[in-house]
Amino acid sequence: MNKLITLFATAASLIVASVVPFGQAHAGEVLDKVLQSKTLTVAVGTDWGAISHLDKNHELVGYDVDIVKQIAKSLGVEPKFVTPSWDVITSGMWEGRWDIAMGQMVPTEARAKVLNFPAVNIWVPSVAVVHKDSKATQPSDLEGKVVGVTGGSSDADYANHSLTPAWTNAKPIQYQFKAGQVKTYGTANIAYDDLRLGDGVRLDAVLTDALSAQEVIKAGYPLKILKPALYSGPGAIAILRGDKEFSEKIAAVVNEMKDDGTLSELSKKWYGADYSKEQ
């Protein structure tokens, strides 16, 4: 009889496990791990411009880095940075390798199936960037052209006409052109390098956020931004779904930074303007 009960219990546990969504954290699991280890492991990039990059001392700095350091401080832990590729971050296949992802991820329906977005820390329009010699004057001129995007980005979704917003009060996306070919890159910087070679040499345009585009143009890249913007959306902090306590902790810290003006000041520090509020 005991063996029979054990068999039934085991079968029941397997059934329960099978209905838990892939990549979902258990309630309190991530927060408990962070507090016990005294470490908040953070996924960031080393070449994401003002978001996060390596300074001359090979230290990670940037807007998102400052924010996550404040989150770690509030939790009484130390931040530890890791640098996975963007497509792995957005996939939700974290497997416990990091606890939180920065990078100003745009919440979409597809991402919301595996990720939770406890706090928005920036609002930025997405734009089309072309070589300065391009005859294109507006995004609709890119009809049938070759465009570059970062793999797993919302700009890639836009280029493939599959962008479905999941943020509050989002307006339906209006696609201004249909690309002839969409080329995927590991980072926007590699796409910029291809575009700077000349109009149509490897790319006709790159789709990216306006702040990133402004940075590379300021750095001397022979590029220009087409108007109007493709769409405008929030950039959020991401965690795996399922840990309500962890989500609430992050939200509380960021909301406090909004209320006391810290987020606004950090935006001005790194971008020269306040992008912490909806544009």
C-alpha atoms as a PDB file:
ATOM      1  CA  MET A   1       0.000   0.000   0.000  1.00  0.00           C
ATOM      2  CA  ASN A   2       2.773   2.432   0.914  1.00  0.00           C
ATOM      3  CA  LYS A   3       4.430   1.749  -2.433  1.00  0.00           C
ATOM      4  CA  LEU A   4       1.136   2.444  -4.190  1.00  0.00           C
ATOM      5  CA  ILE A   5       0.687   5.734  -2.339  1.00  0.00           C
ATOM      6  CA  THR A   6       4.241   6.713  -3.215  1.00  0.00           C
ATOM      7  CA  LEU A   7       3.607   5.964  -6.881  1.00  0.00           C
ATOM      8  CA  PHE A   8       0.460   8.104  -6.893  1.00  0.00           C
ATOM      9  CA  ALA A   9       2.266  10.953  -5.110  1.00  0.00           C
ATOM     10  CA  THR A  10       5.141  10.828  -7.570  1.00  0.00           C
ATOM     11  CA  ALA A  11       2.773  10.839 -10.540  1.00  0.00           C
ATOM     12  CA  ALA A  12       0.871  13.787  -9.117  1.00  0.00           C
ATOM     13  CA  SER A  13       4.052  15.773  -8.593  1.00  0.00           C
ATOM     14  CA  LEU A  14       5.089  15.147 -12.192  1.00  0.00           C
ATOM     15  CA  ILE A  15       1.710  16.339 -13.447  1.00  0.00           C
ATOM     16  CA  VAL A  16       1.995  19.539 -11.403  1.00  0.00           C
ATOM     17  CA  ALA A  17       5.541  20.118 -12.647  1.00  0.00           C
ATOM     18  CA  SER A  18       4.454  19.623 -16.242  1.00  0.00           C
ATOM     19  CA  VAL A  19       2.000  22.537 -16.116  1.00  0.00           C
ATOM     20  CA  VAL A  20       4.498  25.058 -14.744  1.00  0.00           C
ATOM     21  CA  PRO A  21       5.394  27.381 -17.644  1.00  0.00           C
ATOM     22  CA  PHE A  22       8.946  27.072 -18.952  1.00  0.00           C
ATOM     23  CA  GLY A  23      11.363  29.538 -17.357  1.00  0.00           C
ATOM     24  CA  GLN A  24       8.942  30.581 -14.622  1.00  0.00           C
ATOM     25  CA  ALA A  25      10.353  31.164 -11.145  1.00  0.00           C
ATOM     26  CA  HIS A  26       8.575  29.841  -8.056  1.00  0.00           C
ATOM     27  CA  ALA A  27       7.109  32.351  -5.602  1.00  0.00           C
ATOM     28  CA  GLY A  28       9.863  33.969  -3.576  1.00  0.00           C
ATOM     29  CA  GLU A  29      12.519  31.685  -5.039  1.00  0.00           C
ATOM     30  CA  VAL A  30      14.640  34.334  -6.765  1.00  0.00           C
ATOM     31  CA  LEU A  31      14.346  36.878  -3.965  1.00  0.00           C
ATOM     32  CA  ASP A  32      15.318  34.246  -1.392  1.00  0.00           C
ATOM     33  CA  LYS A  33      18.362  33.244  -3.444  1.00  0.00           C
ATOM     34  CA  VAL A  34      19.458  36.868  -3.853  1.00  0.00           C
ATOM     35  CA  LEU A  35      19.110  37.647  -0.136  1.00  0.00           C
ATOM     36  CA  GLN A  36      20.820  34.439   0.983  1.00  0.00           C
ATOM     37  CA  SER A  37      23.744  34.803  -1.418  1.00  0.00           C
ATOM     38  CA  LYS A  38      23.976  38.566  -0.825  1.00  0.00           C
ATOM     39  CA  THR A  39      24.377  38.884  -4.611  1.00  0.00           C
ATOM     40  CA  LEU A  40      22.113  40.262  -7.330  1.00  0.00           C
ATOM     41  CA  THR A  41      23.267  38.832 -10.660  1.00  0.00           C
ATOM     42  CA  VAL A  42      22.472  41.240 -13.471  1.00  0.00           C
ATOM     43  CA  ALA A  43      22.412  40.700 -17.234  1.00  0.00           C
ATOM     44  CA  VAL A  44      23.761  43.756 -19.079  1.00  0.00           C
ATOM     45  CA  GLY A  45      25.758  44.630 -22.165  1.00  0.00           C
ATOM     46  CA  THR A  46      29.298  45.982 -22.408  1.00  0.00           C
ATOM     47  CA  ASP A  47      28.639  48.032 -25.548  1.00  0.00           C
ATOM     48  CA  TRP A  48      25.123  49.398 -25.087  1.00  0.00           C
ATOM     49  CA  GLY A  49      26.201  53.038 -25.018  1.00  0.00           C
ATOM     50  CA  ALA A  50      24.698  55.129 -22.229  1.00  0.00           C
ATOM     51  CA  ILE A  51      22.666  52.116 -21.074  1.00  0.00           C
ATOM     52  CA  SER A  52      25.780  50.186 -20.044  1.00  0.00           C
ATOM     53  CA  HIS A  53      29.349  50.142 -21.324  1.00  0.00           C
ATOM     54  CA  LEU A  54      32.931  49.685 -20.204  1.00  0.00           C
ATOM     55  CA  ASP A  55      34.740  52.888 -19.236  1.00  0.00           C
ATOM     56  CA  LYS A  56      38.479  53.561 -19.582  1.00  0.00           C
ATOM     57  CA  ASN A  57      39.084  51.591 -16.376  1.00  0.00           C
ATOM     58  CA  HIS A  58      37.201  48.596 -17.816  1.00  0.00           C
ATOM     59  CA  GLU A  59      34.390  49.136 -15.324  1.00  0.00           C
ATOM     60  CA  LEU A  60      30.724  48.854 -16.274  1.00  0.00           C
ATOM     61  CA  VAL A  61      28.977  52.209 -16.132  1.00  0.00           C
ATOM     62  CA  GLY A  62      25.772  53.683 -17.501  1.00  0.00           C
ATOM     63  CA  TYR A  63      22.193  54.678 -16.774  1.00  0.00           C
ATOM     64  CA  ASP A  64      20.938  51.132 -16.201  1.00  0.00           C
ATOM     65  CA  VAL A  65      24.045  50.264 -14.187  1.00  0.00           C
ATOM     66  CA  ASP A  66      23.377  53.145 -11.786  1.00  0.00           C
ATOM     67  CA  ILE A  67      19.751  52.050 -11.423  1.00  0.00           C
ATOM     68  CA  VAL A  68      20.503  48.400 -10.702  1.00  0.00           C
ATOM     69  CA  LYS A  69      23.208  49.375  -8.196  1.00  0.00           C
ATOM     70  CA  GLN A  70      20.517  51.300  -6.307  1.00  0.00           C
ATOM     71  CA  ILE A  71      18.222  48.262  -6.423  1.00  0.00           C
ATOM     72  CA  ALA A  72      21.021  46.066  -5.036  1.00  0.00           C
ATOM     73  CA  LYS A  73      21.773  48.604  -2.308  1.00  0.00           C
ATOM     74  CA  SER A  74      18.127  48.680  -1.284  1.00  0.00           C
ATOM     75  CA  LEU A  75      18.111  44.882  -1.022  1.00  0.00           C
ATOM     76  CA  GLY A  76      21.322  44.943   1.029  1.00  0.00           C
ATOM     77  CA  VAL A  77      23.274  42.917  -1.549  1.00  0.00           C
ATOM     78  CA  GLU A  78      26.085  43.414  -4.072  1.00  0.00           C
ATOM     79  CA  PRO A  79      25.534  43.501  -7.849  1.00  0.00           C
ATOM     80  CA  LYS A  80      27.333  40.999 -10.064  1.00  0.00           C
ATOM     81  CA  PHE A  81      27.271  41.629 -13.809  1.00  0.00           C
ATOM     82  CA  VAL A  82      27.093  39.044 -16.598  1.00  0.00           C
ATOM     83  CA  THR A  83      26.878  39.705 -20.338  1.00  0.00           C
ATOM     84  CA  PRO A  84      24.709  37.207 -22.261  1.00  0.00           C
ATOM     85  CA  SER A  85      23.489  37.986 -25.771  1.00  0.00           C
ATOM     86  CA  TRP A  86      20.260  39.942 -26.139  1.00  0.00           C
ATOM     87  CA  ASP A  87      18.359  37.128 -27.854  1.00  0.00           C
ATOM     88  CA  VAL A  88      19.121  34.796 -24.919  1.00  0.00           C
ATOM     89  CA  ILE A  89      17.971  37.438 -22.430  1.00  0.00           C
ATOM     90  CA  THR A  90      14.657  37.970 -24.228  1.00  0.00           C
ATOM     91  CA  SER A  91      14.063  34.224 -24.668  1.00  0.00           C
ATOM     92  CA  GLY A  92      13.592  33.681 -20.927  1.00  0.00           C
ATOM     93  CA  MET A  93      16.029  30.741 -20.986  1.00  0.00           C
ATOM     94  CA  TRP A  94      17.942  32.088 -17.990  1.00  0.00           C
ATOM     95  CA  GLU A  95      18.362  28.782 -16.121  1.00  0.00           C
ATOM     96  CA  GLY A  96      19.334  30.606 -12.927  1.00  0.00           C
ATOM     97  CA  ARG A  97      22.372  32.285 -14.488  1.00  0.00           C
ATOM     98  CA  TRP A  98      21.120  35.783 -13.661  1.00  0.00           C
ATOM     99  CA  ASP A  99      18.279  37.270 -11.611  1.00  0.00           C
ATOM    100  CA  ILE A 100      17.421  40.464 -13.443  1.00  0.00           C
ATOM    101  CA  ALA A 101      17.971  41.882 -16.919  1.00  0.00           C
ATOM    102  CA  MET A 102      18.610  45.506 -17.760  1.00  0.00           C
ATOM    103  CA  GLY A 103      18.822  46.935 -21.279  1.00  0.00           C
ATOM    104  CA  GLN A 104      15.534  48.863 -21.445  1.00  0.00           C
ATOM    105  CA  MET A 105      13.522  45.987 -22.882  1.00  0.00           C
ATOM    106  CA  VAL A 106      10.279  46.936 -24.610  1.00  0.00           C
ATOM    107  CA  PRO A 107       7.402  44.850 -23.151  1.00  0.00           C
ATOM    108  CA  THR A 108       5.678  42.827 -25.868  1.00  0.00           C
ATOM    109  CA  GLU A 109       3.055  40.087 -25.724  1.00  0.00           C
ATOM    110  CA  ALA A 110       5.584  37.429 -26.725  1.00  0.00           C
ATOM    111  CA  ARG A 111       8.055  38.465 -24.012  1.00  0.00           C
ATOM    112  CA  ALA A 112       5.320  38.763 -21.391  1.00  0.00           C
ATOM    113  CA  LYS A 113       4.701  35.025 -21.719  1.00  0.00           C
ATOM    114  CA  VAL A 114       8.044  34.269 -20.038  1.00  0.00           C
ATOM    115  CA  LEU A 115       9.120  37.558 -18.452  1.00  0.00           C
ATOM    116  CA  ASN A 116       7.717  40.055 -15.997  1.00  0.00           C
ATOM    117  CA  PHE A 117       8.394  43.801 -16.208  1.00  0.00           C
ATOM    118  CA  PRO A 118       8.260  45.234 -12.674  1.00  0.00           C
ATOM    119  CA  ALA A 119       9.384  48.751 -13.591  1.00  0.00           C
ATOM    120  CA  VAL A 120       9.776  51.058 -16.577  1.00  0.00           C
ATOM    121  CA  ASN A 121      12.879  53.243 -16.369  1.00  0.00           C
ATOM    122  CA  ILE A 122      12.848  55.062 -19.700  1.00  0.00           C
ATOM    123  CA  TRP A 123      10.667  56.078 -22.662  1.00  0.00           C
ATOM    124  CA  VAL A 124      12.394  56.243 -26.033  1.00  0.00           C
ATOM    125  CA  PRO A 125      11.188  56.353 -29.652  1.00  0.00           C
ATOM    126  CA  SER A 126      12.449  53.754 -32.121  1.00  0.00           C
ATOM    127  CA  VAL A 127      13.746  55.105 -35.420  1.00  0.00           C
ATOM    128  CA  ALA A 128      15.151  54.172 -38.804  1.00  0.00           C
ATOM    129  CA  VAL A 129      18.758  55.239 -39.405  1.00  0.00           C
ATOM    130  CA  VAL A 130      20.298  55.503 -42.877  1.00  0.00           C
ATOM    131  CA  HIS A 131      23.657  56.515 -44.353  1.00  0.00           C
ATOM    132  CA  LYS A 132      23.989  60.273 -44.844  1.00  0.00           C
ATOM    133  CA  ASP A 133      24.171  59.719 -48.625  1.00  0.00           C
ATOM    134  CA  SER A 134      20.843  57.874 -48.687  1.00  0.00           C
ATOM    135  CA  LYS A 135      18.058  59.445 -50.730  1.00  0.00           C
ATOM    136  CA  ALA A 136      15.514  58.231 -48.169  1.00  0.00           C
ATOM    137  CA  THR A 137      13.790  61.099 -46.363  1.00  0.00           C
ATOM    138  CA  GLN A 138      11.165  59.154 -44.390  1.00  0.00           C
ATOM    139  CA  PRO A 139      10.675  55.555 -43.216  1.00  0.00           C
ATOM    140  CA  SER A 140       8.241  54.764 -46.050  1.00  0.00           C
ATOM    141  CA  ASP A 141      11.166  55.188 -48.467  1.00  0.00           C
ATOM    142  CA  LEU A 142      12.599  51.939 -47.040  1.00  0.00           C
ATOM    143  CA  GLU A 143       9.929  49.833 -48.752  1.00  0.00           C
ATOM    144  CA  GLY A 144      11.621  46.701 -50.101  1.00  0.00           C
ATOM    145  CA  LYS A 145      15.043  47.701 -48.724  1.00  0.00           C
ATOM    146  CA  VAL A 146      17.580  45.765 -46.618  1.00  0.00           C
ATOM    147  CA  VAL A 147      17.377  46.724 -42.940  1.00  0.00           C
ATOM    148  CA  GLY A 148      19.528  45.660 -39.993  1.00  0.00           C
ATOM    149  CA  VAL A 149      18.206  44.898 -36.512  1.00  0.00           C
ATOM    150  CA  THR A 150      19.481  43.449 -33.245  1.00  0.00           C
ATOM    151  CA  GLY A 151      18.395  39.821 -32.823  1.00  0.00           C
ATOM    152  CA  GLY A 152      15.538  39.412 -30.346  1.00  0.00           C
ATOM    153  CA  SER A 153      14.797  43.150 -30.260  1.00  0.00           C
ATOM    154  CA  SER A 154      11.442  44.889 -30.609  1.00  0.00           C
ATOM    155  CA  ASP A 155      12.927  46.574 -33.682  1.00  0.00           C
ATOM    156  CA  ALA A 156      13.334  43.117 -35.213  1.00  0.00           C
ATOM    157  CA  ASP A 157       9.663  42.493 -34.472  1.00  0.00           C
ATOM    158  CA  TYR A 158       8.784  45.797 -36.121  1.00  0.00           C
ATOM    159  CA  ALA A 159      10.813  44.935 -39.220  1.00  0.00           C
ATOM    160  CA  ASN A 160       9.029  41.573 -39.441  1.00  0.00           C
ATOM    161  CA  HIS A 161       5.605  43.123 -38.751  1.00  0.00           C
ATOM    162  CA  SER A 162       5.164  41.043 -35.580  1.00  0.00           C
ATOM    163  CA  LEU A 163       5.419  43.706 -32.858  1.00  0.00           C
ATOM    164  CA  THR A 164       2.537  43.422 -30.390  1.00  0.00           C
ATOM    165  CA  PRO A 165       2.802  45.877 -27.482  1.00  0.00           C
ATOM    166  CA  ALA A 166       2.080  44.741 -23.919  1.00  0.00           C
ATOM    167  CA  TRP A 167       2.450  48.014 -22.060  1.00  0.00           C
ATOM    168  CA  THR A 168      -0.365  50.080 -20.542  1.00  0.00           C
ATOM    169  CA  ASN A 169      -2.296  52.316 -22.971  1.00  0.00           C
ATOM    170  CA  ALA A 170      -0.226  51.120 -25.927  1.00  0.00           C
ATOM    171  CA  LYS A 171      -1.478  52.132 -29.340  1.00  0.00           C
ATOM    172  CA  PRO A 172      -1.582  49.640 -32.216  1.00  0.00           C
ATOM    173  CA  ILE A 173       1.640  49.656 -34.237  1.00  0.00           C
ATOM    174  CA  GLN A 174       1.394  51.334 -37.626  1.00  0.00           C
ATOM    175  CA  TYR A 175       3.986  49.859 -39.979  1.00  0.00           C
ATOM    176  CA  GLN A 176       5.440  52.483 -42.311  1.00  0.00           C
ATOM    177  CA  PHE A 177       7.179  50.091 -44.720  1.00  0.00           C
ATOM    178  CA  LYS A 178       7.803  46.430 -45.474  1.00  0.00           C
ATOM    179  CA  ALA A 179      11.471  45.460 -45.682  1.00  0.00           C
ATOM    180  CA  GLY A 180      12.732  43.420 -48.601  1.00  0.00           C
ATOM    181  CA  GLN A 181      15.253  41.709 -46.297  1.00  0.00           C
ATOM    182  CA  VAL A 182      15.831  41.813 -42.544  1.00  0.00           C
ATOM    183  CA  LYS A 183      19.427  41.160 -41.439  1.00  0.00           C
ATOM    184  CA  THR A 184      19.942  40.191 -37.807  1.00  0.00           C
ATOM    185  CA  TYR A 185      22.985  41.281 -35.765  1.00  0.00           C
ATOM    186  CA  GLY A 186      24.306  40.423 -32.313  1.00  0.00           C
ATOM    187  CA  THR A 187      24.410  44.112 -31.366  1.00  0.00           C
ATOM    188  CA  ALA A 188      23.329  47.384 -32.953  1.00  0.00           C
ATOM    189  CA  ASN A 189      26.974  48.502 -33.053  1.00  0.00           C
ATOM    190  CA  ILE A 190      27.838  45.810 -35.610  1.00  0.00           C
ATOM    191  CA  ALA A 191      24.866  46.884 -37.717  1.00  0.00           C
ATOM    192  CA  TYR A 192      26.029  50.516 -37.534  1.00  0.00           C
ATOM    193  CA  ASP A 193      29.472  49.445 -38.747  1.00  0.00           C
ATOM    194  CA  ASP A 194      27.922  47.808 -41.805  1.00  0.00           C
ATOM    195  CA  LEU A 195      25.734  50.839 -42.508  1.00  0.00           C
ATOM    196  CA  ARG A 196      28.619  53.297 -42.260  1.00  0.00           C
ATOM    197  CA  LEU A 197      30.340  51.525 -45.195  1.00  0.00           C
ATOM    198  CA  GLY A 198      27.958  53.333 -47.519  1.00  0.00           C
ATOM    199  CA  ASP A 199      24.355  53.531 -48.653  1.00  0.00           C
ATOM    200  CA  GLY A 200      23.249  50.096 -49.816  1.00  0.00           C
ATOM    201  CA  VAL A 201      26.712  48.521 -49.561  1.00  0.00           C
ATOM    202  CA  ARG A 202      25.545  46.031 -46.936  1.00  0.00           C
ATOM    203  CA  LEU A 203      22.487  47.751 -45.507  1.00  0.00           C
ATOM    204  CA  ASP A 204      20.005  50.440 -46.463  1.00  0.00           C
ATOM    205  CA  ALA A 205      19.001  51.173 -42.858  1.00  0.00           C
ATOM    206  CA  VAL A 206      19.245  50.142 -39.218  1.00  0.00           C
ATOM    207  CA  LEU A 207      16.226  50.121 -36.908  1.00  0.00           C
ATOM    208  CA  THR A 208      17.127  51.080 -33.355  1.00  0.00           C
ATOM    209  CA  ASP A 209      16.284  53.407 -30.472  1.00  0.00           C
ATOM    210  CA  ALA A 210      16.730  57.131 -31.019  1.00  0.00           C
ATOM    211  CA  LEU A 211      19.207  57.620 -28.170  1.00  0.00           C
ATOM    212  CA  SER A 212      21.580  54.945 -29.484  1.00  0.00           C
ATOM    213  CA  ALA A 213      21.382  56.489 -32.958  1.00  0.00           C
ATOM    214  CA  GLN A 214      22.142  59.958 -31.621  1.00  0.00           C
ATOM    215  CA  GLU A 215      25.189  58.608 -29.787  1.00  0.00           C
ATOM    216  CA  VAL A 216      26.816  57.036 -32.854  1.00  0.00           C
ATOM    217  CA  ILE A 217      26.083  60.087 -35.014  1.00  0.00           C
ATOM    218  CA  LYS A 218      27.673  62.282 -32.354  1.00  0.00           C
ATOM    219  CA  ALA A 219      30.664  59.913 -32.393  1.00  0.00           C
ATOM    220  CA  GLY A 220      31.179  60.664 -36.080  1.00  0.00           C
ATOM    221  CA  TYR A 221      29.291  57.937 -37.917  1.00  0.00           C
ATOM    222  CA  PRO A 222      28.067  59.277 -41.307  1.00  0.00           C
ATOM    223  CA  LEU A 223      24.422  58.497 -40.590  1.00  0.00           C
ATOM    224  CA  LYS A 224      21.113  60.318 -40.266  1.00  0.00           C
ATOM    225  CA  ILE A 225      17.799  59.616 -38.553  1.00  0.00           C
ATOM    226  CA  LEU A 226      14.604  59.465 -40.586  1.00  0.00           C
ATOM    227  CA  LYS A 227      11.427  61.068 -39.279  1.00  0.00           C
ATOM    228  CA  PRO A 228       8.803  60.365 -38.098  1.00  0.00           C
ATOM    229  CA  ALA A 229       9.739  57.774 -35.469  1.00  0.00           C
ATOM    230  CA  LEU A 230       8.594  54.189 -36.071  1.00  0.00           C
ATOM    231  CA  TYR A 231       6.929  53.926 -32.657  1.00  0.00           C
ATOM    232  CA  SER A 232       7.513  55.045 -29.075  1.00  0.00           C
ATOM    233  CA  GLY A 233       7.508  52.654 -26.158  1.00  0.00           C
ATOM    234  CA  PRO A 234       8.809  52.104 -22.636  1.00  0.00           C
ATOM    235  CA  GLY A 235      12.108  50.482 -21.719  1.00  0.00           C
ATOM    236  CA  ALA A 236      11.654  48.169 -18.745  1.00  0.00           C
ATOM    237  CA  ILE A 237      13.579  46.066 -16.256  1.00  0.00           C
ATOM    238  CA  ALA A 238      12.904  42.350 -16.775  1.00  0.00           C
ATOM    239  CA  ILE A 239      12.759  39.323 -14.479  1.00  0.00           C
ATOM    240  CA  LEU A 240      11.345  35.823 -14.888  1.00  0.00           C
ATOM    241  CA  ARG A 241       7.634  35.410 -14.233  1.00  0.00           C
ATOM    242  CA  GLY A 242       6.439  33.912 -10.978  1.00  0.00           C
ATOM    243  CA  ASP A 243       8.267  35.732  -8.169  1.00  0.00           C
ATOM    244  CA  LYS A 244       5.759  38.352  -6.994  1.00  0.00           C
ATOM    245  CA  GLU A 245       7.841  39.367  -3.983  1.00  0.00           C
ATOM    246  CA  PHE A 246      10.935  40.019  -6.085  1.00  0.00           C
ATOM    247  CA  SER A 247       8.896  41.985  -8.622  1.00  0.00           C
ATOM    248  CA  GLU A 248       7.349  44.151  -5.909  1.00  0.00           C
ATOM    249  CA  LYS A 249      10.748  44.901  -4.362  1.00  0.00           C
ATOM    250  CA  ILE A 250      12.146  46.123  -7.691  1.00  0.00           C
ATOM    251  CA  ALA A 251       9.028  48.161  -8.451  1.00  0.00           C
ATOM    252  CA  ALA A 252       9.169  49.847  -5.042  1.00  0.00           C
ATOM    253  CA  VAL A 253      12.811  50.923  -5.459  1.00  0.00           C
ATOM    254  CA  VAL A 254      12.307  52.322  -8.969  1.00  0.00           C
ATOM    255  CA  ASN A 255       9.087  54.091  -7.989  1.00  0.00           C
ATOM    256  CA  GLU A 256      10.932  55.735  -5.106  1.00  0.00           C
ATOM    257  CA  MET A 257      13.654  56.848  -7.546  1.00  0.00           C
ATOM    258  CA  LYS A 258      10.948  58.376  -9.740  1.00  0.00           C
ATOM    259  CA  ASP A 259       9.255  60.121  -6.824  1.00  0.00           C
ATOM    260  CA  ASP A 260      12.408  61.664  -5.356  1.00  0.00           C
ATOM    261  CA  GLY A 261      13.782  62.763  -8.748  1.00  0.00           C
ATOM    262  CA  THR A 262      16.736  60.362  -8.815  1.00  0.00           C
ATOM    263  CA  LEU A 263      15.650  58.702 -12.064  1.00  0.00           C
ATOM    264  CA  SER A 264      15.223  62.063 -13.749  1.00  0.00           C
ATOM    265  CA  GLU A 265      18.687  63.190 -12.666  1.00  0.00           C
ATOM    266  CA  LEU A 266      20.281  59.959 -13.869  1.00  0.00           C
ATOM    267  CA  SER A 267      18.605  60.369 -17.257  1.00  0.00           C
ATOM    268  CA  LYS A 268      19.977  63.905 -17.548  1.00  0.00           C
ATOM    269  CA  LYS A 269      23.410  62.670 -16.475  1.00  0.00           C
ATOM    270  CA  TRP A 270      23.612  59.974 -19.157  1.00  0.00           C
ATOM    271  CA  TYR A 271      21.390  61.378 -21.922  1.00  0.00           C
ATOM    272  CA  GLY A 272      21.341  65.129 -21.383  1.00  0.00           C
ATOM    273  CA  ALA A 273      17.559  65.141 -21.043  1.00  0.00           C
ATOM    274  CA  ASP A 274      14.799  63.573 -18.931  1.00  0.00           C
ATOM    275  CA  TYR A 275      13.547  60.416 -20.626  1.00  0.00           C
ATOM    276  CA  SER A 276      12.285  58.854 -17.396  1.00  0.00           C
ATOM    277  CA  LYS A 277       8.702  59.951 -18.172  1.00  0.00           C
ATOM    278  CA  GLU A 278       6.452  59.030 -21.065  1.00  0.00           C
ATOM    279  CA  GLN A 279       7.257  61.188 -24.096  1.00  0.00           C
END
